[in-house]
C-alpha cells in the first residue's frame, strides 16, 4: 500500500515533469551525467575507441626480442608488431658481439633475458606484468595483441581443466599444478633422445588420433603430434618467467651437454611433467610404454626411459605448450598442413551445415572483437574476414605469430607478400605512429581481458619518443634505437616485392627451361609445398 508521503512525492514529481522548466532541468541533468561518464571512460588518444574498463585493474604487456643486430627479418617482426598494437620491443643484448663459444652464446641469451626481467619494476598502477619473448629473426605477427592476450588466458584455462581431469582437483591443488607459461609447439623433441623425460614424459596432444592421417605418431616427424617445446616463443607472467629462467640458467651451469637453450628449457619442463606423473602410477606406466621412431616396428626394442631426479628440488614451474597453435605456429614438419585463407571465402548454406567440411575457416570470435585491420587508416568497414590469414588446416586455427623454424626459413621471404598487412604496410605504420602520438598510454583493448585492462609497457624514454612521433625500439644495452637506424636500409624488403624467381624455390636451371606463364595460385602453392628443404638443422 502506498504511503501518503510517497504519494505526495510522486504527484509532485509528475507535476514538475509536465512543466517546461521541469523537463529542461531533467534533460540537462541527464546530459551532464552522461558527459561525466563519457569523460571518465574516453581515452586521451585519437583512435576513436572508448575505454569501458572503468575501475578495472591495469596490466602491462612487455615484448622482449633477443637480437644482437638488425636485418630485414627483425624489421618484419618490428613492423608487424607496430601495426598490430604490440609494445615497442626491447632488444635484448643488442649491439653485443656474438661469442664464438656456443656455451657462452646460449648462456648469454638466457642470462640477459633474465637480467632484464629482473629490472621490470613493480608498479602500484599495474596489477600484472605479462611478458612475451620472441626470437628476433624468424617470426612475424599476423593478429592483434588483444587476440594474443585472450588466447593466452583461454589456453591456460583449458590446460588447468585437463590437469584436474587427469589428476583430480585435490592433487592439482596440493601440488600446485597449473599453467601460466606457454611455449610454442614442436613436432620433434630436440635434441632427440627419447629416453629423456623431456621427450617421453610430456603430455600427449589433445588432437585426433589420426589428425595427420593414418601415419599419425608413427615415427615420421611429418605426421607426429606437436608434443614438444620450442623455446623461440614464450609468454607468461614476469615473476614466473624469472623463476623458470633462473632454473634454466642453473641447469646450464650444472649440466652443460649441448649447444641449445631449448634443451635446458625442455629439461625443466620434462622434470615438471615427470613429477606430475609420479602422482599417478597408471599414467606413469602409460607414458613409459609409448613407442617412438627408433622403437616403432621393432618389437625387440628396449624401451629405455630415464627417471628424473626430483628429490628435494622444485619441479613445478607452471609450464605448458600451445599445442593447437592458437598463438604460436612453428613451420618445421608442419608446412604441408598450412595455407593462407580468407574466412569470407569459407561458407556453407544453412541446410548444409551438418555436412560442411571440417576445414571450413570461420572468423574466430576473439578476432571479431578486435578493431578492424585498417582502422588506423580510417577504414572501419573492411573486416578481418576479408583478409588472407595464415591457417592451420589440422587444428583449424589462425595463429597470432608464425615462427619460421628450420628447415623452412626461406619462407620468410617466399611468403612475406602473403601477409595481409604487406600491401599497405608503410601507410599502416605511419598511421599507427600518428594515432599513438596523443595517447597517454596505449591501451591494447578498450574492454578488460580476464578482468584486467591491458596496456603496452613502455619506459619514460619510449613514451617521450612515441609522443614526439618517433618509432623504433628500446634495448637493454643502448637504450632507444630509432627506426631509421634499425630498418631504413631494409625498407625495400618490407614494402617491395622481391623478384618472382627469388620468391619461388625452384632452381635456376628449372627456371630457365620453363615458363611461369599460365600458373595459377594453386600451381604456385603446390610448388611451394613440394619444394626441397632449405637445410636439415633444427633450432
Protein backbone atom coordinates (compact mmCIF):
# COMPACT_ATOMS: atom_id res chain seq x y z
CA UNK A 1 0.00 0.00 0.00
CA UNK A 2 1.39 3.43 -0.98
CA UNK A 3 2.13 5.65 1.99
CA UNK A 4 0.76 9.28 1.91
CA UNK A 5 4.19 10.91 1.73
CA UNK A 6 5.18 8.60 -1.13
CA UNK A 7 2.00 9.55 -2.99
CA UNK A 8 2.62 13.27 -2.45
CA UNK A 9 6.24 12.99 -3.60
CA UNK A 10 5.20 11.06 -6.71
CA UNK A 11 2.39 13.52 -7.52
CA UNK A 12 4.74 16.49 -7.16
CA UNK A 13 7.35 14.85 -9.39
CA UNK A 14 4.76 14.16 -12.12
CA UNK A 15 3.54 17.74 -11.97
CA UNK A 16 7.10 19.06 -12.14
CA UNK A 17 7.96 16.88 -15.16
CA UNK A 18 4.93 18.24 -17.05
CA UNK A 19 6.25 21.81 -16.81
CA UNK A 20 8.71 23.17 -19.41
CA UNK A 21 11.16 24.09 -16.67
CA UNK A 22 10.97 20.62 -15.19
CA UNK A 23 11.58 18.87 -18.49
CA UNK A 24 14.54 21.15 -19.28
CA UNK A 25 16.09 20.59 -15.84
CA UNK A 26 15.82 16.82 -16.09
CA UNK A 27 17.23 16.80 -19.64
CA UNK A 28 20.17 18.97 -18.57
CA UNK A 29 20.85 16.71 -15.60
CA UNK A 30 20.87 13.59 -17.77
CA UNK A 31 23.20 15.20 -20.32
CA UNK A 32 25.53 16.36 -17.52
CA UNK A 33 25.71 12.87 -16.02
CA UNK A 34 26.37 11.33 -19.45
CA UNK A 35 29.19 13.80 -20.13
CA UNK A 36 30.82 12.91 -16.81
CA UNK A 37 30.61 9.19 -17.61
CA UNK A 38 31.95 9.64 -21.15
CA UNK A 39 34.87 11.81 -20.00
CA UNK A 40 35.72 9.20 -17.39
CA UNK A 41 35.96 6.34 -19.85
CA UNK A 42 37.18 8.08 -23.03
CA UNK A 43 40.90 7.69 -23.71
CA UNK A 44 43.28 10.56 -24.23
CA UNK A 45 44.25 9.25 -27.67
CA UNK A 46 42.59 9.82 -31.01
CA UNK A 47 41.86 6.28 -32.13
CA UNK A 48 38.16 6.76 -31.52
CA UNK A 49 37.54 3.76 -29.26
CA UNK A 50 36.30 4.27 -25.73
CA UNK A 51 37.57 2.53 -22.61
CA UNK A 52 34.82 0.57 -20.91
CA UNK A 53 37.09 -0.94 -18.26
CA UNK A 54 36.37 1.82 -15.77
CA UNK A 55 37.63 0.71 -12.37
CA UNK A 56 39.31 -2.46 -13.66
CA UNK A 57 42.92 -3.06 -12.57
CA UNK A 58 45.55 -2.47 -15.25
CA UNK A 59 48.19 -4.84 -16.55
CA UNK A 60 51.22 -4.30 -18.79
CA UNK A 61 52.30 -6.32 -21.82
CA UNK A 62 56.06 -6.41 -22.48
CA UNK A 63 57.70 -7.56 -25.74
CA UNK A 64 61.30 -8.83 -25.44
CA UNK A 65 63.27 -9.77 -28.56
CA UNK A 66 66.80 -11.27 -28.34
CA UNK A 67 68.71 -9.63 -31.23
CA UNK A 68 72.35 -8.57 -31.33
CA UNK A 69 71.93 -6.67 -34.62
CA UNK A 70 69.27 -5.68 -37.14
CA UNK A 71 68.32 -7.03 -40.56
CA UNK A 72 65.21 -7.30 -42.75
CA UNK A 73 63.87 -10.27 -40.79
CA UNK A 74 64.00 -8.42 -37.47
CA UNK A 75 62.33 -5.44 -39.15
CA UNK A 76 59.46 -7.64 -40.40
CA UNK A 77 58.77 -8.60 -36.80
CA UNK A 78 59.00 -4.97 -35.66
CA UNK A 79 56.77 -3.74 -38.49
CA UNK A 80 54.06 -6.31 -37.87
CA UNK A 81 54.20 -5.70 -34.10
CA UNK A 82 53.80 -1.95 -34.51
CA UNK A 83 50.85 -2.18 -36.91
CA UNK A 84 49.08 -4.77 -34.75
CA UNK A 85 49.22 -2.83 -31.49
CA UNK A 86 52.08 -4.53 -29.64
CA UNK A 87 54.53 -2.66 -27.40
CA UNK A 88 57.73 -1.32 -28.91
CA UNK A 89 60.14 -4.24 -28.48
CA UNK A 90 63.03 -4.30 -26.06
CA UNK A 91 66.00 -5.68 -27.99
CA UNK A 92 67.98 -7.94 -25.67
CA UNK A 93 71.78 -7.98 -25.99
CA UNK A 94 71.59 -5.55 -28.91
CA UNK A 95 74.97 -4.45 -30.21
CA UNK A 96 76.86 -7.20 -28.41
CA UNK A 97 79.38 -9.25 -30.35
CA UNK A 98 78.38 -12.88 -30.76
CA UNK A 99 80.79 -15.06 -28.86
CA UNK A 100 82.24 -17.90 -30.98
CA UNK A 101 81.91 -20.23 -28.00
CA UNK A 102 78.38 -21.78 -28.22
CA UNK A 103 78.30 -22.32 -24.46
CA UNK A 104 78.83 -18.62 -23.81
CA UNK A 105 76.35 -17.65 -26.54
CA UNK A 106 73.47 -19.77 -25.21
CA UNK A 107 74.30 -18.79 -21.66
CA UNK A 108 74.15 -15.12 -22.70
CA UNK A 109 70.69 -15.45 -24.25
CA UNK A 110 69.15 -16.89 -21.09
CA UNK A 111 71.18 -14.70 -18.74
CA UNK A 112 70.48 -11.37 -20.49
CA UNK A 113 66.74 -12.07 -20.70
CA UNK A 114 66.74 -12.98 -17.01
CA UNK A 115 68.65 -9.83 -16.10
CA UNK A 116 66.20 -7.64 -17.99
CA UNK A 117 63.14 -9.29 -16.45
CA UNK A 118 64.61 -8.63 -13.00
CA UNK A 119 64.67 -4.94 -13.97
CA UNK A 120 60.90 -4.82 -14.59
CA UNK A 121 59.83 -2.75 -11.64
CA UNK A 122 56.56 -3.48 -9.92
CA UNK A 123 54.23 -0.51 -10.09
CA UNK A 124 51.18 0.05 -7.92
CA UNK A 125 49.33 1.31 -11.01
CA UNK A 126 49.58 -2.13 -12.64
CA UNK A 127 48.48 -5.40 -11.08
CA UNK A 128 50.09 -7.71 -13.68
CA UNK A 129 53.15 -7.81 -15.96
CA UNK A 130 52.78 -10.23 -18.87
CA UNK A 131 55.97 -10.85 -20.87
CA UNK A 132 56.09 -12.03 -24.50
CA UNK A 133 59.51 -13.25 -25.72
CA UNK A 134 60.04 -13.84 -29.46
CA UNK A 135 63.15 -14.86 -31.39
CA UNK A 136 64.28 -11.86 -33.41
CA UNK A 137 64.96 -13.19 -36.88
CA UNK A 138 62.30 -15.72 -37.87
CA UNK A 139 58.89 -14.61 -36.56
CA UNK A 140 56.02 -12.49 -37.91
CA UNK A 141 52.84 -11.41 -36.15
CA UNK A 142 49.56 -11.51 -38.08
CA UNK A 143 46.88 -10.91 -35.42
CA UNK A 144 46.44 -8.09 -32.85
CA UNK A 145 47.79 -8.03 -29.32
CA UNK A 146 44.36 -8.32 -27.70
CA UNK A 147 43.81 -11.65 -29.52
CA UNK A 148 47.11 -12.94 -28.12
CA UNK A 149 46.13 -11.97 -24.57
CA UNK A 150 42.66 -13.54 -24.86
CA UNK A 151 44.10 -16.78 -26.23
CA UNK A 152 46.77 -16.89 -23.55
CA UNK A 153 44.19 -16.93 -20.76
CA UNK A 154 41.89 -19.32 -22.62
CA UNK A 155 44.77 -21.77 -23.23
CA UNK A 156 45.67 -21.68 -19.52
CA UNK A 157 42.07 -22.30 -18.51
CA UNK A 158 41.83 -25.34 -20.80
CA UNK A 159 45.18 -26.69 -19.58
CA UNK A 160 44.13 -26.37 -15.94
CA UNK A 161 40.90 -28.23 -16.74
CA UNK A 162 42.93 -31.06 -18.34
CA UNK A 163 45.18 -31.32 -15.28
CA UNK A 164 42.15 -31.60 -12.99
CA UNK A 165 40.61 -34.23 -15.30
CA UNK A 166 43.86 -36.25 -15.24
CA UNK A 167 44.91 -35.95 -11.59
CA UNK A 168 41.82 -34.74 -9.75
CA UNK A 169 41.24 -31.37 -8.15
CA UNK A 170 42.69 -32.39 -4.78
CA UNK A 171 46.10 -33.32 -6.23
CA UNK A 172 46.11 -30.32 -8.54
CA UNK A 173 45.67 -28.04 -5.54
CA UNK A 174 48.02 -29.97 -3.24
CA UNK A 175 50.91 -29.95 -5.71
CA UNK A 176 50.07 -26.56 -7.25
CA UNK A 177 49.67 -27.99 -10.76
CA UNK A 178 48.66 -25.18 -13.10
CA UNK A 179 49.74 -23.36 -16.22
CA UNK A 180 50.88 -19.75 -16.55
CA UNK A 181 53.80 -20.06 -19.02
CA UNK A 182 53.26 -21.11 -22.64
CA UNK A 183 55.90 -22.12 -25.19
CA UNK A 184 55.37 -22.73 -28.88
CA UNK A 185 54.93 -26.38 -30.02
CA UNK A 186 57.39 -28.58 -31.88
CA UNK A 187 56.88 -31.88 -33.72
CA UNK A 188 60.35 -33.06 -32.77
CA UNK A 189 61.94 -33.49 -29.37
CA UNK A 190 65.20 -31.64 -29.88
CA UNK A 191 67.90 -32.73 -29.24
CA UNK A 192 66.38 -36.16 -29.95
CA UNK A 193 66.73 -38.73 -27.17
CA UNK A 194 63.51 -40.49 -26.21
CA UNK A 195 64.99 -41.86 -23.02
CA UNK A 196 64.88 -38.31 -21.58
CA UNK A 197 61.81 -37.30 -19.55
CA UNK A 198 61.83 -34.12 -21.67
CA UNK A 199 60.90 -36.36 -24.62
CA UNK A 200 58.77 -39.17 -23.14
CA UNK A 201 57.09 -37.70 -20.04
CA UNK A 202 55.47 -34.66 -21.66
CA UNK A 203 51.67 -34.69 -22.17
CA UNK A 204 50.02 -36.14 -25.23
CA UNK A 205 48.36 -33.65 -27.56
CA UNK A 206 44.61 -33.11 -27.49
CA UNK A 207 44.25 -33.68 -31.24
CA UNK A 208 42.52 -36.52 -33.06
CA UNK A 209 44.48 -39.80 -33.16
CA UNK A 210 44.52 -39.51 -36.95
CA UNK A 211 44.87 -35.74 -37.20
CA UNK A 212 47.79 -36.06 -39.60
CA UNK A 213 46.42 -39.11 -41.42
CA UNK A 214 46.96 -42.88 -40.95
CA UNK A 215 50.63 -42.33 -40.14
CA UNK A 216 49.94 -40.03 -37.17
CA UNK A 217 52.50 -40.64 -34.40
CA UNK A 218 54.03 -43.44 -36.47
CA UNK A 219 57.60 -42.21 -36.14
CA UNK A 220 57.77 -39.78 -39.08
CA UNK A 221 58.08 -36.18 -37.87
CA UNK A 222 55.76 -35.00 -40.67
CA UNK A 223 52.95 -37.00 -39.04
CA UNK A 224 53.93 -36.66 -35.38
CA UNK A 225 51.84 -34.74 -32.89
CA UNK A 226 53.30 -31.38 -31.75
CA UNK A 227 54.08 -32.57 -28.19
CA UNK A 228 57.38 -30.86 -27.59
CA UNK A 229 58.66 -27.47 -26.56
CA UNK A 230 60.11 -24.84 -28.89
CA UNK A 231 61.96 -22.13 -26.98
CA UNK A 232 61.71 -19.44 -29.69
CA UNK A 233 58.30 -18.24 -28.49
CA UNK A 234 57.13 -17.95 -24.89
CA UNK A 235 54.67 -15.89 -22.87
CA UNK A 236 53.99 -15.70 -19.15
CA UNK A 237 53.90 -13.51 -16.02
CA UNK A 238 57.19 -11.77 -15.31
CA UNK A 239 57.84 -13.42 -11.93
CA UNK A 240 57.01 -16.92 -13.17
CA UNK A 241 59.35 -16.43 -16.14
CA UNK A 242 62.08 -15.18 -13.82
CA UNK A 243 61.79 -18.38 -11.77
CA UNK A 244 61.87 -20.54 -14.91
CA UNK A 245 64.81 -18.74 -16.50
CA UNK A 246 66.78 -18.90 -13.24
CA UNK A 247 66.20 -22.66 -13.05
CA UNK A 248 67.26 -22.98 -16.70
CA UNK A 249 70.40 -20.94 -16.12
CA UNK A 250 71.27 -23.14 -13.14
CA UNK A 251 70.74 -26.20 -15.36
CA UNK A 252 73.15 -24.82 -17.98
CA UNK A 253 75.79 -24.14 -15.31
CA UNK A 254 75.48 -27.54 -13.64
CA UNK A 255 74.74 -29.83 -16.58
CA UNK A 256 76.04 -28.39 -19.84
CA UNK A 257 75.77 -31.06 -22.53
CA UNK A 258 74.70 -29.36 -25.77
CA UNK A 259 74.63 -26.01 -27.58
CA UNK A 260 70.89 -25.44 -27.37
CA UNK A 261 68.98 -23.35 -24.85
CA UNK A 262 65.88 -25.31 -25.94
CA UNK A 263 67.40 -28.47 -24.45
CA UNK A 264 67.59 -26.91 -20.98
CA UNK A 265 64.08 -25.42 -21.04
CA UNK A 266 62.82 -28.84 -22.14
CA UNK A 267 64.69 -30.49 -19.25
CA UNK A 268 62.88 -28.27 -16.74
CA UNK A 269 59.54 -29.00 -18.44
CA UNK A 270 60.30 -32.73 -18.53
CA UNK A 271 61.03 -32.81 -14.79
CA UNK A 272 57.80 -30.95 -14.10
CA UNK A 273 55.77 -33.48 -16.08
CA UNK A 274 57.66 -36.45 -14.59
CA UNK A 275 56.86 -35.14 -11.10
CA UNK A 276 53.19 -34.89 -12.05
CA UNK A 277 53.18 -38.43 -13.46
CA UNK A 278 54.76 -39.68 -10.23
CA UNK A 279 51.45 -38.82 -8.53
CA UNK A 280 49.62 -41.44 -10.63
CA UNK A 281 51.14 -44.91 -11.25
CA UNK A 282 48.79 -45.74 -14.14
CA UNK A 283 49.63 -42.57 -16.02
CA UNK A 284 53.34 -43.14 -15.43
CA UNK A 285 53.09 -46.67 -16.87
CA UNK A 286 51.14 -45.39 -19.88
CA UNK A 287 53.72 -42.76 -20.80
CA UNK A 288 56.66 -45.10 -20.27
CA UNK A 289 55.00 -47.56 -22.65
CA UNK A 290 54.61 -45.17 -25.59
CA UNK A 291 56.86 -46.02 -28.55
CA UNK A 292 58.88 -43.64 -30.68
CA UNK A 293 60.68 -43.54 -34.01
CA UNK A 294 63.53 -45.94 -33.20
CA UNK A 295 61.15 -48.41 -31.50
CA UNK A 296 58.11 -48.49 -33.80
CA UNK A 297 58.08 -51.64 -35.90
CA UNK A 298 60.78 -53.24 -33.75
CA UNK A 299 59.14 -55.48 -31.12
CA UNK A 300 62.54 -56.35 -29.65
CA UNK A 301 63.44 -52.73 -28.97
CA UNK A 302 64.19 -51.99 -25.33
CA UNK A 303 62.03 -49.13 -24.07
CA UNK A 304 64.65 -47.18 -22.19
CA UNK A 305 63.03 -44.46 -20.08
CA UNK A 306 65.24 -42.49 -17.70
CA UNK A 307 63.70 -41.38 -14.42
CA UNK A 308 64.10 -37.75 -13.45
CA UNK A 309 65.83 -36.86 -10.20
CA UNK A 310 63.16 -34.82 -8.43
CA UNK A 311 64.22 -35.30 -4.81
CA UNK A 312 64.32 -32.12 -2.74
CA UNK A 313 64.08 -29.73 -5.70
CA UNK A 314 61.34 -27.54 -7.05
CA UNK A 315 59.69 -29.18 -10.06
CA UNK A 316 56.53 -27.14 -10.70
CA UNK A 317 57.15 -24.10 -12.92
CA UNK A 318 53.63 -23.84 -14.45
CA UNK A 319 54.95 -24.57 -17.95
CA UNK A 320 52.77 -25.69 -20.86
CA UNK A 321 52.74 -25.77 -24.65
CA UNK A 322 50.43 -24.13 -27.17
CA UNK A 323 49.58 -27.49 -28.76
CA UNK A 324 46.84 -26.16 -31.04
CA UNK A 325 48.96 -23.25 -32.30
CA UNK A 326 46.36 -20.67 -31.36
CA UNK A 327 49.22 -18.27 -30.56
CA UNK A 328 52.46 -19.74 -31.93
CA UNK A 329 52.77 -21.67 -35.19
CA UNK A 330 56.11 -23.35 -35.90
CA UNK A 331 56.85 -24.26 -39.52
CA UNK A 332 59.15 -27.29 -39.16
CA UNK A 333 57.36 -30.51 -40.26
CA UNK A 334 54.10 -28.52 -40.40
CA UNK A 335 54.43 -26.90 -43.82
CA UNK A 336 52.18 -29.40 -45.60
CA UNK A 337 49.35 -28.59 -43.16
CA UNK A 338 49.50 -24.80 -43.52
CA UNK A 339 47.93 -22.47 -46.04
CA UNK A 340 46.59 -18.94 -46.50
CA UNK A 341 42.82 -18.43 -46.45
CA UNK A 342 40.22 -15.70 -46.19
CA UNK A 343 37.43 -16.51 -43.73
CA UNK A 344 34.94 -14.74 -46.02
CA UNK A 345 35.62 -17.37 -48.70
CA UNK A 346 34.60 -20.22 -46.38
CA UNK A 347 30.86 -20.72 -46.02
CA UNK A 348 28.05 -23.25 -46.25
CA UNK A 349 24.32 -22.95 -46.87
CA UNK A 350 22.25 -23.26 -43.67
CA UNK A 351 20.83 -26.60 -44.83
CA UNK A 352 24.31 -28.00 -45.46
CA UNK A 353 25.98 -27.12 -42.16
CA UNK A 354 25.82 -30.75 -40.98
CA UNK A 355 27.92 -31.83 -43.96
CA UNK A 356 30.23 -28.81 -44.22
CA UNK A 357 33.95 -29.55 -44.45
CA UNK A 358 35.83 -29.75 -41.15
CA UNK A 359 38.38 -27.46 -42.80
CA UNK A 360 35.93 -24.56 -43.14
CA UNK A 361 37.65 -21.42 -41.93
CA UNK A 362 35.32 -19.31 -39.80
CA UNK A 363 36.33 -15.98 -38.30
CA UNK A 364 37.17 -16.59 -34.62
CA UNK A 365 35.08 -14.68 -32.09
CA UNK A 366 38.16 -13.22 -30.38
CA UNK A 367 39.31 -11.71 -33.69
CA UNK A 368 35.86 -10.28 -34.41
CA UNK A 369 36.15 -8.36 -31.11
CA UNK A 370 39.32 -6.59 -32.30
CA UNK A 371 39.41 -3.28 -34.11
CA UNK A 372 39.17 -3.70 -37.91
CA UNK A 373 42.53 -4.29 -39.63
CA UNK A 374 42.65 -0.91 -41.40
CA UNK A 375 41.10 1.22 -38.64
CA UNK A 376 44.30 3.29 -38.39
CA UNK A 377 43.61 4.45 -41.97
CA UNK A 378 40.04 5.42 -41.10
CA UNK A 379 38.59 2.28 -42.70
CA UNK A 380 36.22 0.63 -40.23
CA UNK A 381 34.29 -1.32 -42.87
CA UNK A 382 36.94 -3.74 -44.16
CA UNK A 383 36.83 -6.70 -41.79
CA UNK A 384 39.25 -9.37 -40.66
CA UNK A 385 37.11 -11.90 -42.54
CA UNK A 386 38.28 -10.32 -45.79
CA UNK A 387 42.00 -10.71 -45.02
CA UNK A 388 44.16 -13.58 -46.18
CA UNK A 389 45.40 -15.18 -42.98
CA UNK A 390 47.86 -17.96 -42.20
CA UNK A 391 45.77 -21.00 -41.34
CA UNK A 392 46.49 -24.41 -39.77
CA UNK A 393 44.20 -26.90 -41.52
CA UNK A 394 44.78 -29.55 -38.81
CA UNK A 395 43.93 -27.53 -35.70
CA UNK A 396 41.58 -25.15 -37.52
CA UNK A 397 43.27 -22.08 -36.01
CA UNK A 398 44.77 -18.90 -37.41
CA UNK A 399 47.83 -18.34 -35.18
CA UNK A 400 48.86 -14.98 -33.79
CA UNK A 401 52.55 -15.49 -34.66
CA UNK A 402 54.24 -17.60 -37.35
CA UNK A 403 57.68 -18.98 -36.45
CA UNK A 404 59.80 -19.94 -39.46
CA UNK A 405 61.87 -22.67 -37.85
CA UNK A 406 64.46 -24.64 -39.85
CA UNK A 407 64.34 -26.12 -42.42
CA UNK A 408 61.66 -23.65 -43.58
CA UNK A 409 63.43 -20.32 -43.09
CA UNK A 410 63.23 -19.50 -46.83
CA UNK A 411 59.51 -18.87 -46.36
CA UNK A 412 60.32 -15.67 -44.51
CA UNK A 413 60.95 -14.27 -47.99
CA UNK A 414 58.68 -16.51 -50.09
CA UNK A 415 55.54 -15.73 -48.10
CA UNK A 416 56.18 -12.14 -46.99
CA UNK A 417 53.89 -10.70 -49.68
CA UNK A 418 51.08 -13.03 -48.49
CA UNK A 419 50.68 -11.44 -45.06
CA UNK A 420 47.61 -9.18 -45.04
CA UNK A 421 49.40 -6.02 -43.88
CA UNK A 422 52.06 -6.15 -46.62
CA UNK A 423 50.05 -4.34 -49.30
CA UNK A 424 49.66 -1.15 -47.27
CA UNK A 425 52.40 -1.68 -44.71
CA UNK A 426 54.04 1.74 -45.00
CA UNK A 427 50.68 3.56 -44.79
CA UNK A 428 49.64 1.48 -41.80
CA UNK A 429 52.92 2.06 -39.97
CA UNK A 430 52.77 5.83 -40.45
CA UNK A 431 49.08 5.99 -39.48
CA UNK A 432 49.76 3.98 -36.33
CA UNK A 433 52.53 6.40 -35.34
CA UNK A 434 50.16 9.36 -35.79
CA UNK A 435 47.35 7.74 -33.80
CA UNK A 436 49.59 6.86 -30.87
CA UNK A 437 51.17 10.30 -30.54
CA UNK A 438 48.44 11.83 -28.38
CA UNK A 439 47.71 8.86 -26.16
CA UNK A 440 48.82 8.97 -22.56
CA UNK A 441 49.26 5.19 -22.70
CA UNK A 442 48.49 2.70 -25.45
CA UNK A 443 45.52 0.53 -24.47
CA UNK A 444 45.53 -2.94 -26.04
CA UNK A 445 41.74 -3.26 -25.96
CA UNK A 446 39.04 -0.97 -24.62
CA UNK A 447 37.50 -3.79 -22.58
CA UNK A 448 39.16 -5.78 -19.78
CA UNK A 449 40.53 -9.21 -20.68
CA UNK A 450 40.42 -11.71 -17.82
CA UNK A 451 39.35 -8.84 -15.56
CA UNK A 452 42.33 -6.63 -16.42
CA UNK A 453 42.63 -3.60 -18.71
CA UNK A 454 45.84 -4.27 -20.65
CA UNK A 455 48.20 -1.55 -21.84
CA UNK A 456 51.54 -1.55 -23.63
CA UNK A 457 54.55 -1.36 -21.36
CA UNK A 458 56.95 1.46 -22.10
CA UNK A 459 59.70 3.34 -20.30
CA UNK A 460 59.51 7.11 -19.90
CA UNK A 461 62.07 7.42 -22.71
CA UNK A 462 59.94 5.30 -25.04
CA UNK A 463 56.86 7.31 -24.13
CA UNK A 464 58.67 10.55 -24.90
CA UNK A 465 59.71 9.29 -28.33
CA UNK A 466 56.22 7.97 -29.07
CA UNK A 467 54.61 11.29 -28.23
CA UNK A 468 57.16 13.01 -30.48
CA UNK A 469 56.03 10.81 -33.39
CA UNK A 470 59.13 8.63 -33.43
CA UNK A 471 59.21 4.85 -33.78
CA UNK A 472 61.87 2.29 -33.01
CA UNK A 473 62.85 0.02 -30.15
CA UNK A 474 64.30 0.08 -26.68
CA UNK A 475 67.36 -2.02 -25.88
CA UNK A 476 68.87 -3.36 -22.69
CA UNK A 477 72.34 -2.15 -23.69
CA UNK A 478 71.98 1.11 -25.64
CA UNK A 479 68.56 2.49 -24.75
CA UNK A 480 66.45 3.95 -27.56
CA UNK A 481 67.27 2.89 -31.14
CA UNK A 482 65.22 4.63 -33.85
CA UNK A 483 63.53 3.03 -36.86
CA UNK A 484 65.91 4.52 -39.41
CA UNK A 485 68.95 3.10 -37.62
CA UNK A 486 67.36 -0.33 -37.40
CA UNK A 487 65.31 -0.67 -40.56
CA UNK A 488 65.79 2.15 -43.09
CA UNK A 489 68.17 0.02 -45.17
CA UNK A 490 65.68 -2.87 -45.12
CA UNK A 491 62.58 -0.98 -46.24
CA UNK A 492 62.89 -2.20 -49.83
CA UNK A 493 62.40 -5.74 -48.47
CA UNK A 494 59.50 -4.69 -46.24
CA UNK A 495 57.49 -2.67 -48.76
CA UNK A 496 58.62 -4.08 -52.13
CA UNK A 497 58.12 -7.47 -53.73
CA UNK A 498 61.36 -9.37 -54.49
CA UNK A 499 61.82 -10.79 -57.98
CA UNK A 500 59.45 -13.69 -58.69
CA UNK A 501 62.28 -16.15 -59.41
CA UNK A 502 63.73 -15.44 -55.99
CA UNK A 503 60.38 -15.82 -54.25
CA UNK A 504 59.74 -19.28 -55.69
CA UNK A 505 62.10 -22.07 -54.53
CA UNK A 506 62.79 -23.64 -57.89
CA UNK A 507 66.41 -23.82 -59.01
CA UNK A 508 67.98 -21.64 -61.72
CA UNK A 509 68.11 -24.41 -64.35
CA UNK A 510 64.42 -25.22 -63.96
CA UNK A 511 63.53 -21.54 -64.18
CA UNK A 512 65.48 -21.06 -67.39
CA UNK A 513 63.92 -24.13 -69.04
CA UNK A 514 60.32 -23.38 -68.11
CA UNK A 515 57.82 -20.57 -68.18
CA UNK A 516 55.71 -19.36 -65.29
CA UNK A 517 53.04 -18.08 -67.66
CA UNK A 518 49.67 -19.66 -67.03
CA UNK A 519 50.45 -20.70 -63.47
CA UNK A 520 47.50 -20.40 -61.13
CA UNK A 521 47.72 -19.65 -57.41
CA UNK A 522 47.11 -23.35 -56.81
CA UNK A 523 50.06 -24.26 -59.06
CA UNK A 524 52.31 -21.91 -57.12
CA UNK A 525 51.10 -23.26 -53.77
CA UNK A 526 51.73 -26.87 -54.84
CA UNK A 527 55.21 -25.82 -55.95
CA UNK A 528 55.86 -24.28 -52.53
CA UNK A 529 54.66 -27.36 -50.70
CA UNK A 530 56.85 -29.69 -52.74
CA UNK A 531 59.98 -27.54 -52.64
CA UNK A 532 63.12 -29.11 -51.13
CA UNK A 533 64.05 -28.25 -47.58
CA UNK A 534 66.48 -25.41 -47.22
CA UNK A 535 68.56 -27.43 -44.77
CA UNK A 536 68.19 -30.19 -42.24
CA UNK A 537 69.03 -28.45 -38.99
CA UNK A 538 66.56 -27.67 -36.25
CA UNK A 539 66.61 -24.94 -33.61
